[in-house]
Amino acid sequence: AIKQCEPALVSSYATLTWLGKNLEAHVFKSESGPCAAFLSNYDP
């Protein structure tokens, strides 16, 4: 899964968006177009 994200990861830094309590979206979007996202739930 990460290798599929690699073009976006190596060419940009994450943009962080809060989706709620203990919830985050980290988005990598390069100038050339590739986009990858991580949606996180930190609640145990």
ModelCIF file with pLDDT and N, C-alpha, C, O atoms, coordinates in Angstrom:
data_MODEL
#
_entry.id   MODEL 
#
_entity.id                         1 
_entity.type                       polymer 
_entity.pdbx_number_of_molecules   1 
#
_entity_poly.entity_id                      1 
_entity_poly.type                           'polypeptide(L)' 
_entity_poly.nstd_linkage                   no 
_entity_poly.nstd_monomer                   no 
_entity_poly.pdbx_seq_one_letter_code       AIKQCEPALVSSYATLTWLGKNLEAHVFKSESGPCAAFLSNYDP 
_entity_poly.pdbx_seq_one_letter_code_can   AIKQCEPALVSSYATLTWLGKNLEAHVFKSESGPCAAFLSNYDP 
_entity_poly.pdbx_strand_id                 A 
#
loop_
_entity_poly_seq.entity_id 
_entity_poly_seq.num 
_entity_poly_seq.mon_id 
_entity_poly_seq.hetero 
1 1  ALA n 
1 2  ILE n 
1 3  LYS n 
1 4  GLN n 
1 5  CYS n 
1 6  GLU n 
1 7  PRO n 
1 8  ALA n 
1 9  LEU n 
1 10 VAL n 
1 11 SER n 
1 12 SER n 
1 13 TYR n 
1 14 ALA n 
1 15 THR n 
1 16 LEU n 
1 17 THR n 
1 18 TRP n 
1 19 LEU n 
1 20 GLY n 
1 21 LYS n 
1 22 ASN n 
1 23 LEU n 
1 24 GLU n 
1 25 ALA n 
1 26 HIS n 
1 27 VAL n 
1 28 PHE n 
1 29 LYS n 
1 30 SER n 
1 31 GLU n 
1 32 SER n 
1 33 GLY n 
1 34 PRO n 
1 35 CYS n 
1 36 ALA n 
1 37 ALA n 
1 38 PHE n 
1 39 LEU n 
1 40 SER n 
1 41 ASN n 
1 42 TYR n 
1 43 ASP n 
1 44 PRO n 
#
_struct_asym.id          A 
_struct_asym.entity_id   1 
#
loop_
_ma_qa_metric.id 
_ma_qa_metric.mode 
_ma_qa_metric.name 
_ma_qa_metric.software_group_id 
_ma_qa_metric.type 
1 global pLDDT . pLDDT 
2 local  pLDDT . pLDDT 
#
_ma_qa_metric_global.metric_id      1 
_ma_qa_metric_global.metric_value   95.34 
_ma_qa_metric_global.model_id       1 
_ma_qa_metric_global.ordinal_id     1 
#
loop_
_ma_qa_metric_local.label_asym_id 
_ma_qa_metric_local.label_comp_id 
_ma_qa_metric_local.label_seq_id 
_ma_qa_metric_local.metric_id 
_ma_qa_metric_local.metric_value 
_ma_qa_metric_local.model_id 
_ma_qa_metric_local.ordinal_id 
A ALA 1  2 98.00 1 1  
A ILE 2  2 98.00 1 2  
A LYS 3  2 98.00 1 3  
A GLN 4  2 98.00 1 4  
A CYS 5  2 97.00 1 5  
A GLU 6  2 97.00 1 6  
A PRO 7  2 95.00 1 7  
A ALA 8  2 96.00 1 8  
A LEU 9  2 97.00 1 9  
A VAL 10 2 96.00 1 10 
A SER 11 2 94.00 1 11 
A SER 12 2 95.00 1 12 
A TYR 13 2 96.00 1 13 
A ALA 14 2 97.00 1 14 
A THR 15 2 97.00 1 15 
A LEU 16 2 97.00 1 16 
A THR 17 2 96.00 1 17 
A TRP 18 2 96.00 1 18 
A LEU 19 2 96.00 1 19 
A GLY 20 2 95.00 1 20 
A LYS 21 2 95.00 1 21 
A ASN 22 2 97.00 1 22 
A LEU 23 2 98.00 1 23 
A GLU 24 2 97.00 1 24 
A ALA 25 2 98.00 1 25 
A HIS 26 2 98.00 1 26 
A VAL 27 2 98.00 1 27 
A PHE 28 2 98.00 1 28 
A LYS 29 2 94.00 1 29 
A SER 30 2 82.00 1 30 
A GLU 31 2 80.00 1 31 
A SER 32 2 79.00 1 32 
A GLY 33 2 83.00 1 33 
A PRO 34 2 91.00 1 34 
A CYS 35 2 96.00 1 35 
A ALA 36 2 98.00 1 36 
A ALA 37 2 98.00 1 37 
A PHE 38 2 98.00 1 38 
A LEU 39 2 98.00 1 39 
A SER 40 2 98.00 1 40 
A ASN 41 2 98.00 1 41 
A TYR 42 2 98.00 1 42 
A ASP 43 2 98.00 1 43 
A PRO 44 2 98.00 1 44 
#
loop_
_atom_site.group_PDB 
_atom_site.id 
_atom_site.type_symbol 
_atom_site.label_atom_id 
_atom_site.label_alt_id 
_atom_site.label_comp_id 
_atom_site.label_asym_id 
_atom_site.label_entity_id 
_atom_site.label_seq_id 
_atom_site.pdbx_PDB_ins_code 
_atom_site.Cartn_x 
_atom_site.Cartn_y 
_atom_site.Cartn_z 
_atom_site.occupancy 
_atom_site.B_iso_or_equiv 
_atom_site.pdbx_formal_charge 
_atom_site.auth_seq_id 
_atom_site.auth_comp_id 
_atom_site.auth_asym_id 
_atom_site.auth_atom_id 
_atom_site.pdbx_PDB_model_num 
ATOM 1   N N  . ALA A 1 1  ? 0.825   -1.207 0.000   1.00 98.00 ? 1  ALA A N  1 
ATOM 2   C CA . ALA A 1 1  ? 0.000   0.000  0.000   1.00 98.00 ? 1  ALA A CA 1 
ATOM 3   C C  . ALA A 1 1  ? 0.861   1.259  0.000   1.00 98.00 ? 1  ALA A C  1 
ATOM 4   O O  . ALA A 1 1  ? 0.573   2.215  -0.720  1.00 98.00 ? 1  ALA A O  1 
ATOM 5   N N  . ILE A 1 2  ? 1.913   1.255  0.807   1.00 98.00 ? 2  ILE A N  1 
ATOM 6   C CA . ILE A 1 2  ? 2.786   2.434  0.876   1.00 98.00 ? 2  ILE A CA 1 
ATOM 7   C C  . ILE A 1 2  ? 3.514   2.646  -0.442  1.00 98.00 ? 2  ILE A C  1 
ATOM 8   O O  . ILE A 1 2  ? 3.685   3.787  -0.872  1.00 98.00 ? 2  ILE A O  1 
ATOM 9   N N  . LYS A 1 3  ? 3.950   1.561  -1.098  1.00 98.00 ? 3  LYS A N  1 
ATOM 10  C CA . LYS A 1 3  ? 4.644   1.705  -2.380  1.00 98.00 ? 3  LYS A CA 1 
ATOM 11  C C  . LYS A 1 3  ? 3.726   2.345  -3.424  1.00 98.00 ? 3  LYS A C  1 
ATOM 12  O O  . LYS A 1 3  ? 4.197   3.067  -4.303  1.00 98.00 ? 3  LYS A O  1 
ATOM 13  N N  . GLN A 1 4  ? 2.423   2.084  -3.331  1.00 98.00 ? 4  GLN A N  1 
ATOM 14  C CA . GLN A 1 4  ? 1.489   2.745  -4.241  1.00 98.00 ? 4  GLN A CA 1 
ATOM 15  C C  . GLN A 1 4  ? 1.409   4.249  -3.966  1.00 98.00 ? 4  GLN A C  1 
ATOM 16  O O  . GLN A 1 4  ? 1.101   5.047  -4.851  1.00 98.00 ? 4  GLN A O  1 
ATOM 17  N N  . CYS A 1 5  ? 1.694   4.607  -2.722  1.00 97.00 ? 5  CYS A N  1 
ATOM 18  C CA . CYS A 1 5  ? 1.645   6.023  -2.333  1.00 97.00 ? 5  CYS A CA 1 
ATOM 19  C C  . CYS A 1 5  ? 2.975   6.749  -2.586  1.00 97.00 ? 5  CYS A C  1 
ATOM 20  O O  . CYS A 1 5  ? 3.036   7.976  -2.512  1.00 97.00 ? 5  CYS A O  1 
ATOM 21  N N  . GLU A 1 6  ? 4.019   6.002  -2.879  1.00 97.00 ? 6  GLU A N  1 
ATOM 22  C CA . GLU A 1 6  ? 5.372   6.561  -2.881  1.00 97.00 ? 6  GLU A CA 1 
ATOM 23  C C  . GLU A 1 6  ? 5.533   7.813  -3.749  1.00 97.00 ? 6  GLU A C  1 
ATOM 24  O O  . GLU A 1 6  ? 6.166   8.763  -3.288  1.00 97.00 ? 6  GLU A O  1 
ATOM 25  N N  . PRO A 1 7  ? 4.999   7.877  -4.981  1.00 95.00 ? 7  PRO A N  1 
ATOM 26  C CA . PRO A 1 7  ? 5.201   9.095  -5.794  1.00 95.00 ? 7  PRO A CA 1 
ATOM 27  C C  . PRO A 1 7  ? 4.732   10.367 -5.092  1.00 95.00 ? 7  PRO A C  1 
ATOM 28  O O  . PRO A 1 7  ? 5.364   11.416 -5.214  1.00 95.00 ? 7  PRO A O  1 
ATOM 29  N N  . ALA A 1 8  ? 3.629   10.272 -4.364  1.00 96.00 ? 8  ALA A N  1 
ATOM 30  C CA . ALA A 1 8  ? 3.131   11.448 -3.646  1.00 96.00 ? 8  ALA A CA 1 
ATOM 31  C C  . ALA A 1 8  ? 3.944   11.701 -2.382  1.00 96.00 ? 8  ALA A C  1 
ATOM 32  O O  . ALA A 1 8  ? 4.224   12.853 -2.050  1.00 96.00 ? 8  ALA A O  1 
ATOM 33  N N  . LEU A 1 9  ? 4.328   10.638 -1.673  1.00 97.00 ? 9  LEU A N  1 
ATOM 34  C CA . LEU A 1 9  ? 5.024   10.798 -0.397  1.00 97.00 ? 9  LEU A CA 1 
ATOM 35  C C  . LEU A 1 9  ? 6.390   11.448 -0.572  1.00 97.00 ? 9  LEU A C  1 
ATOM 36  O O  . LEU A 1 9  ? 6.770   12.305 0.226   1.00 97.00 ? 9  LEU A O  1 
ATOM 37  N N  . VAL A 1 10 ? 7.136   11.055 -1.606  1.00 96.00 ? 10 VAL A N  1 
ATOM 38  C CA . VAL A 1 10 ? 8.517   11.530 -1.739  1.00 96.00 ? 10 VAL A CA 1 
ATOM 39  C C  . VAL A 1 10 ? 8.610   12.931 -2.326  1.00 96.00 ? 10 VAL A C  1 
ATOM 40  O O  . VAL A 1 10 ? 9.692   13.516 -2.367  1.00 96.00 ? 10 VAL A O  1 
ATOM 41  N N  . SER A 1 11 ? 7.501   13.465 -2.774  1.00 94.00 ? 11 SER A N  1 
ATOM 42  C CA . SER A 1 11 ? 7.561   14.765 -3.443  1.00 94.00 ? 11 SER A CA 1 
ATOM 43  C C  . SER A 1 11 ? 6.748   15.845 -2.744  1.00 94.00 ? 11 SER A C  1 
ATOM 44  O O  . SER A 1 11 ? 6.590   16.946 -3.271  1.00 94.00 ? 11 SER A O  1 
ATOM 45  N N  . SER A 1 12 ? 6.227   15.532 -1.548  1.00 95.00 ? 12 SER A N  1 
ATOM 46  C CA . SER A 1 12 ? 5.441   16.550 -0.837  1.00 95.00 ? 12 SER A CA 1 
ATOM 47  C C  . SER A 1 12 ? 5.420   16.241 0.649   1.00 95.00 ? 12 SER A C  1 
ATOM 48  O O  . SER A 1 12 ? 5.702   15.122 1.077   1.00 95.00 ? 12 SER A O  1 
ATOM 49  N N  . TYR A 1 13 ? 5.080   17.256 1.418   1.00 96.00 ? 13 TYR A N  1 
ATOM 50  C CA . TYR A 1 13 ? 4.877   17.072 2.852   1.00 96.00 ? 13 TYR A CA 1 
ATOM 51  C C  . TYR A 1 13 ? 3.374   16.977 3.123   1.00 96.00 ? 13 TYR A C  1 
ATOM 52  O O  . TYR A 1 13 ? 2.558   17.471 2.345   1.00 96.00 ? 13 TYR A O  1 
ATOM 53  N N  . ALA A 1 14 ? 3.029   16.339 4.227   1.00 97.00 ? 14 ALA A N  1 
ATOM 54  C CA . ALA A 1 14 ? 1.626   16.112 4.536   1.00 97.00 ? 14 ALA A CA 1 
ATOM 55  C C  . ALA A 1 14 ? 0.919   17.405 4.923   1.00 97.00 ? 14 ALA A C  1 
ATOM 56  O O  . ALA A 1 14 ? 1.471   18.265 5.607   1.00 97.00 ? 14 ALA A O  1 
ATOM 57  N N  . THR A 1 15 ? -0.315  17.507 4.462   1.00 97.00 ? 15 THR A N  1 
ATOM 58  C CA . THR A 1 15 ? -1.228  18.538 4.940   1.00 97.00 ? 15 THR A CA 1 
ATOM 59  C C  . THR A 1 15 ? -2.191  17.881 5.922   1.00 97.00 ? 15 THR A C  1 
ATOM 60  O O  . THR A 1 15 ? -2.846  16.891 5.595   1.00 97.00 ? 15 THR A O  1 
ATOM 61  N N  . LEU A 1 16 ? -2.273  18.435 7.118   1.00 97.00 ? 16 LEU A N  1 
ATOM 62  C CA . LEU A 1 16 ? -3.067  17.819 8.183   1.00 97.00 ? 16 LEU A CA 1 
ATOM 63  C C  . LEU A 1 16 ? -4.423  18.488 8.305   1.00 97.00 ? 16 LEU A C  1 
ATOM 64  O O  . LEU A 1 16 ? -4.535  19.713 8.344   1.00 97.00 ? 16 LEU A O  1 
ATOM 65  N N  . THR A 1 17 ? -5.465  17.641 8.365   1.00 96.00 ? 17 THR A N  1 
ATOM 66  C CA . THR A 1 17 ? -6.824  18.118 8.596   1.00 96.00 ? 17 THR A CA 1 
ATOM 67  C C  . THR A 1 17 ? -7.430  17.317 9.730   1.00 96.00 ? 17 THR A C  1 
ATOM 68  O O  . THR A 1 17 ? -7.357  16.088 9.727   1.00 96.00 ? 17 THR A O  1 
ATOM 69  N N  . TRP A 1 18 ? -8.036  18.000 10.712  1.00 96.00 ? 18 TRP A N  1 
ATOM 70  C CA . TRP A 1 18 ? -8.728  17.310 11.797  1.00 96.00 ? 18 TRP A CA 1 
ATOM 71  C C  . TRP A 1 18 ? -10.137 16.966 11.345  1.00 96.00 ? 18 TRP A C  1 
ATOM 72  O O  . TRP A 1 18 ? -10.874 17.826 10.864  1.00 96.00 ? 18 TRP A O  1 
ATOM 73  N N  . LEU A 1 19 ? -10.504 15.698 11.504  1.00 96.00 ? 19 LEU A N  1 
ATOM 74  C CA . LEU A 1 19 ? -11.826 15.224 11.091  1.00 96.00 ? 19 LEU A CA 1 
ATOM 75  C C  . LEU A 1 19 ? -12.757 15.033 12.276  1.00 96.00 ? 19 LEU A C  1 
ATOM 76  O O  . LEU A 1 19 ? -13.913 14.647 12.099  1.00 96.00 ? 19 LEU A O  1 
ATOM 77  N N  . GLY A 1 20 ? -12.275 15.295 13.468  1.00 95.00 ? 20 GLY A N  1 
ATOM 78  C CA . GLY A 1 20 ? -13.035 15.101 14.688  1.00 95.00 ? 20 GLY A CA 1 
ATOM 79  C C  . GLY A 1 20 ? -12.092 14.734 15.812  1.00 95.00 ? 20 GLY A C  1 
ATOM 80  O O  . GLY A 1 20 ? -10.876 14.704 15.622  1.00 95.00 ? 20 GLY A O  1 
ATOM 81  N N  . LYS A 1 21 ? -12.641 14.453 16.984  1.00 95.00 ? 21 LYS A N  1 
ATOM 82  C CA . LYS A 1 21 ? -11.811 14.070 18.114  1.00 95.00 ? 21 LYS A CA 1 
ATOM 83  C C  . LYS A 1 21 ? -11.076 12.771 17.809  1.00 95.00 ? 21 LYS A C  1 
ATOM 84  O O  . LYS A 1 21 ? -11.694 11.771 17.445  1.00 95.00 ? 21 LYS A O  1 
ATOM 85  N N  . ASN A 1 22 ? -9.765  12.789 17.956  1.00 97.00 ? 22 ASN A N  1 
ATOM 86  C CA . ASN A 1 22 ? -8.896  11.638 17.682  1.00 97.00 ? 22 ASN A CA 1 
ATOM 87  C C  . ASN A 1 22 ? -8.948  11.191 16.228  1.00 97.00 ? 22 ASN A C  1 
ATOM 88  O O  . ASN A 1 22 ? -8.600  10.049 15.927  1.00 97.00 ? 22 ASN A O  1 
ATOM 89  N N  . LEU A 1 23 ? -9.372  12.061 15.325  1.00 98.00 ? 23 LEU A N  1 
ATOM 90  C CA . LEU A 1 23 ? -9.506  11.713 13.906  1.00 98.00 ? 23 LEU A CA 1 
ATOM 91  C C  . LEU A 1 23 ? -8.730  12.708 13.053  1.00 98.00 ? 23 LEU A C  1 
ATOM 92  O O  . LEU A 1 23 ? -8.871  13.920 13.217  1.00 98.00 ? 23 LEU A O  1 
ATOM 93  N N  . GLU A 1 24 ? -7.913  12.192 12.147  1.00 97.00 ? 24 GLU A N  1 
ATOM 94  C CA . GLU A 1 24 ? -7.067  13.046 11.315  1.00 97.00 ? 24 GLU A CA 1 
ATOM 95  C C  . GLU A 1 24 ? -7.032  12.546 9.883   1.00 97.00 ? 24 GLU A C  1 
ATOM 96  O O  . GLU A 1 24 ? -7.237  11.361 9.617   1.00 97.00 ? 24 GLU A O  1 
ATOM 97  N N  . ALA A 1 25 ? -6.770  13.465 8.967   1.00 98.00 ? 25 ALA A N  1 
ATOM 98  C CA . ALA A 1 25 ? -6.448  13.132 7.578   1.00 98.00 ? 25 ALA A CA 1 
ATOM 99  C C  . ALA A 1 25 ? -5.109  13.771 7.246   1.00 98.00 ? 25 ALA A C  1 
ATOM 100 O O  . ALA A 1 25 ? -4.935  14.979 7.411   1.00 98.00 ? 25 ALA A O  1 
ATOM 101 N N  . HIS A 1 26 ? -4.173  12.971 6.784   1.00 98.00 ? 26 HIS A N  1 
ATOM 102 C CA . HIS A 1 26 ? -2.875  13.453 6.310   1.00 98.00 ? 26 HIS A CA 1 
ATOM 103 C C  . HIS A 1 26 ? -2.848  13.250 4.804   1.00 98.00 ? 26 HIS A C  1 
ATOM 104 O O  . HIS A 1 26 ? -2.954  12.124 4.318   1.00 98.00 ? 26 HIS A O  1 
ATOM 105 N N  . VAL A 1 27 ? -2.708  14.338 4.074   1.00 98.00 ? 27 VAL A N  1 
ATOM 106 C CA . VAL A 1 27 ? -2.807  14.285 2.617   1.00 98.00 ? 27 VAL A CA 1 
ATOM 107 C C  . VAL A 1 27 ? -1.490  14.719 1.997   1.00 98.00 ? 27 VAL A C  1 
ATOM 108 O O  . VAL A 1 27 ? -0.941  15.766 2.340   1.00 98.00 ? 27 VAL A O  1 
ATOM 109 N N  . PHE A 1 28 ? -0.985  13.894 1.072   1.00 98.00 ? 28 PHE A N  1 
ATOM 110 C CA . PHE A 1 28 ? 0.216   14.211 0.297   1.00 98.00 ? 28 PHE A CA 1 
ATOM 111 C C  . PHE A 1 28 ? -0.215  14.439 -1.145  1.00 98.00 ? 28 PHE A C  1 
ATOM 112 O O  . PHE A 1 28 ? -0.828  13.573 -1.769  1.00 98.00 ? 28 PHE A O  1 
ATOM 113 N N  . LYS A 1 29 ? 0.115   15.619 -1.663  1.00 94.00 ? 29 LYS A N  1 
ATOM 114 C CA . LYS A 1 29 ? -0.261  15.936 -3.050  1.00 94.00 ? 29 LYS A CA 1 
ATOM 115 C C  . LYS A 1 29 ? 0.908   16.647 -3.705  1.00 94.00 ? 29 LYS A C  1 
ATOM 116 O O  . LYS A 1 29 ? 1.307   17.735 -3.287  1.00 94.00 ? 29 LYS A O  1 
ATOM 117 N N  . SER A 1 30 ? 1.454   16.016 -4.740  1.00 82.00 ? 30 SER A N  1 
ATOM 118 C CA . SER A 1 30 ? 2.611   16.591 -5.417  1.00 82.00 ? 30 SER A CA 1 
ATOM 119 C C  . SER A 1 30 ? 2.158   17.528 -6.524  1.00 82.00 ? 30 SER A C  1 
ATOM 120 O O  . SER A 1 30 ? 1.004   17.490 -6.948  1.00 82.00 ? 30 SER A O  1 
ATOM 121 N N  . GLU A 1 31 ? 3.073   18.367 -6.986  1.00 80.00 ? 31 GLU A N  1 
ATOM 122 C CA . GLU A 1 31 ? 2.759   19.314 -8.049  1.00 80.00 ? 31 GLU A CA 1 
ATOM 123 C C  . GLU A 1 31 ? 2.408   18.599 -9.348  1.00 80.00 ? 31 GLU A C  1 
ATOM 124 O O  . GLU A 1 31 ? 1.631   19.107 -10.157 1.00 80.00 ? 31 GLU A O  1 
ATOM 125 N N  . SER A 1 32 ? 2.990   17.413 -9.541  1.00 79.00 ? 32 SER A N  1 
ATOM 126 C CA . SER A 1 32 ? 2.744   16.680 -10.782 1.00 79.00 ? 32 SER A CA 1 
ATOM 127 C C  . SER A 1 32 ? 1.426   15.918 -10.771 1.00 79.00 ? 32 SER A C  1 
ATOM 128 O O  . SER A 1 32 ? 1.010   15.377 -11.796 1.00 79.00 ? 32 SER A O  1 
ATOM 129 N N  . GLY A 1 33 ? 0.772   15.875 -9.619  1.00 83.00 ? 33 GLY A N  1 
ATOM 130 C CA . GLY A 1 33 ? -0.552  15.296 -9.601  1.00 83.00 ? 33 GLY A CA 1 
ATOM 131 C C  . GLY A 1 33 ? -0.830  14.170 -8.643  1.00 83.00 ? 33 GLY A C  1 
ATOM 132 O O  . GLY A 1 33 ? -1.945  14.100 -8.127  1.00 83.00 ? 33 GLY A O  1 
ATOM 133 N N  . PRO A 1 34 ? 0.140   13.247 -8.358  1.00 91.00 ? 34 PRO A N  1 
ATOM 134 C CA . PRO A 1 34 ? -0.184  12.126 -7.465  1.00 91.00 ? 34 PRO A CA 1 
ATOM 135 C C  . PRO A 1 34 ? -0.679  12.599 -6.097  1.00 91.00 ? 34 PRO A C  1 
ATOM 136 O O  . PRO A 1 34 ? -0.192  13.585 -5.545  1.00 91.00 ? 34 PRO A O  1 
ATOM 137 N N  . CYS A 1 35 ? -1.654  11.871 -5.574  1.00 96.00 ? 35 CYS A N  1 
ATOM 138 C CA . CYS A 1 35 ? -2.247  12.217 -4.285  1.00 96.00 ? 35 CYS A CA 1 
ATOM 139 C C  . CYS A 1 35 ? -2.375  10.946 -3.454  1.00 96.00 ? 35 CYS A C  1 
ATOM 140 O O  . CYS A 1 35 ? -2.766  9.897  -3.968  1.00 96.00 ? 35 CYS A O  1 
ATOM 141 N N  . ALA A 1 36 ? -2.043  11.043 -2.169  1.00 98.00 ? 36 ALA A N  1 
ATOM 142 C CA . ALA A 1 36 ? -2.208  9.921  -1.250  1.00 98.00 ? 36 ALA A CA 1 
ATOM 143 C C  . ALA A 1 36 ? -2.702  10.462 0.082   1.00 98.00 ? 36 ALA A C  1 
ATOM 144 O O  . ALA A 1 36 ? -2.366  11.578 0.478   1.00 98.00 ? 36 ALA A O  1 
ATOM 145 N N  . ALA A 1 37 ? -3.513  9.648  0.774   1.00 98.00 ? 37 ALA A N  1 
ATOM 146 C CA . ALA A 1 37 ? -4.085  10.109 2.035   1.00 98.00 ? 37 ALA A CA 1 
ATOM 147 C C  . ALA A 1 37 ? -4.027  8.994  3.076   1.00 98.00 ? 37 ALA A C  1 
ATOM 148 O O  . ALA A 1 37 ? -4.102  7.807  2.759   1.00 98.00 ? 37 ALA A O  1 
ATOM 149 N N  . PHE A 1 38 ? -3.891  9.426  4.340   1.00 98.00 ? 38 PHE A N  1 
ATOM 150 C CA . PHE A 1 38 ? -3.940  8.546  5.497   1.00 98.00 ? 38 PHE A CA 1 
ATOM 151 C C  . PHE A 1 38 ? -5.058  9.053  6.398   1.00 98.00 ? 38 PHE A C  1 
ATOM 152 O O  . PHE A 1 38 ? -5.024  10.199 6.845   1.00 98.00 ? 38 PHE A O  1 
ATOM 153 N N  . LEU A 1 39 ? -6.044  8.211  6.664   1.00 98.00 ? 39 LEU A N  1 
ATOM 154 C CA . LEU A 1 39 ? -7.148  8.572  7.555   1.00 98.00 ? 39 LEU A CA 1 
ATOM 155 C C  . LEU A 1 39 ? -6.960  7.811  8.857   1.00 98.00 ? 39 LEU A C  1 
ATOM 156 O O  . LEU A 1 39 ? -6.873  6.583  8.859   1.00 98.00 ? 39 LEU A O  1 
ATOM 157 N N  . SER A 1 40 ? -6.897  8.549  9.976   1.00 98.00 ? 40 SER A N  1 
ATOM 158 C CA . SER A 1 40 ? -6.469  7.956  11.242  1.00 98.00 ? 40 SER A CA 1 
ATOM 159 C C  . SER A 1 40 ? -7.511  8.120  12.328  1.00 98.00 ? 40 SER A C  1 
ATOM 160 O O  . SER A 1 40 ? -8.127  9.174  12.480  1.00 98.00 ? 40 SER A O  1 
ATOM 161 N N  . ASN A 1 41 ? -7.691  7.033  13.089  1.00 98.00 ? 41 ASN A N  1 
ATOM 162 C CA . ASN A 1 41 ? -8.548  7.048  14.276  1.00 98.00 ? 41 ASN A CA 1 
ATOM 163 C C  . ASN A 1 41 ? -7.686  6.640  15.460  1.00 98.00 ? 41 ASN A C  1 
ATOM 164 O O  . ASN A 1 41 ? -7.288  5.480  15.564  1.00 98.00 ? 41 ASN A O  1 
ATOM 165 N N  . TYR A 1 42 ? -7.390  7.583  16.357  1.00 98.00 ? 42 TYR A N  1 
ATOM 166 C CA . TYR A 1 42 ? -6.494  7.331  17.480  1.00 98.00 ? 42 TYR A CA 1 
ATOM 167 C C  . TYR A 1 42 ? -7.212  6.822  18.719  1.00 98.00 ? 42 TYR A C  1 
ATOM 168 O O  . TYR A 1 42 ? -6.572  6.534  19.731  1.00 98.00 ? 42 TYR A O  1 
ATOM 169 N N  . ASP A 1 43 ? -8.521  6.709  18.653  1.00 98.00 ? 43 ASP A N  1 
ATOM 170 C CA . ASP A 1 43 ? -9.281  6.244  19.815  1.00 98.00 ? 43 ASP A CA 1 
ATOM 171 C C  . ASP A 1 43 ? -9.055  4.747  19.992  1.00 98.00 ? 43 ASP A C  1 
ATOM 172 O O  . ASP A 1 43 ? -9.243  3.990  19.039  1.00 98.00 ? 43 ASP A O  1 
ATOM 173 N N  . PRO A 1 44 ? -8.653  4.289  21.195  1.00 98.00 ? 44 PRO A N  1 
ATOM 174 C CA . PRO A 1 44 ? -8.371  2.867  21.389  1.00 98.00 ? 44 PRO A CA 1 
ATOM 175 C C  . PRO A 1 44 ? -9.615  2.008  21.591  1.00 98.00 ? 44 PRO A C  1 
ATOM 176 O O  . PRO A 1 44 ? -9.506  0.794  21.764  1.00 98.00 ? 44 PRO A O  1 
#
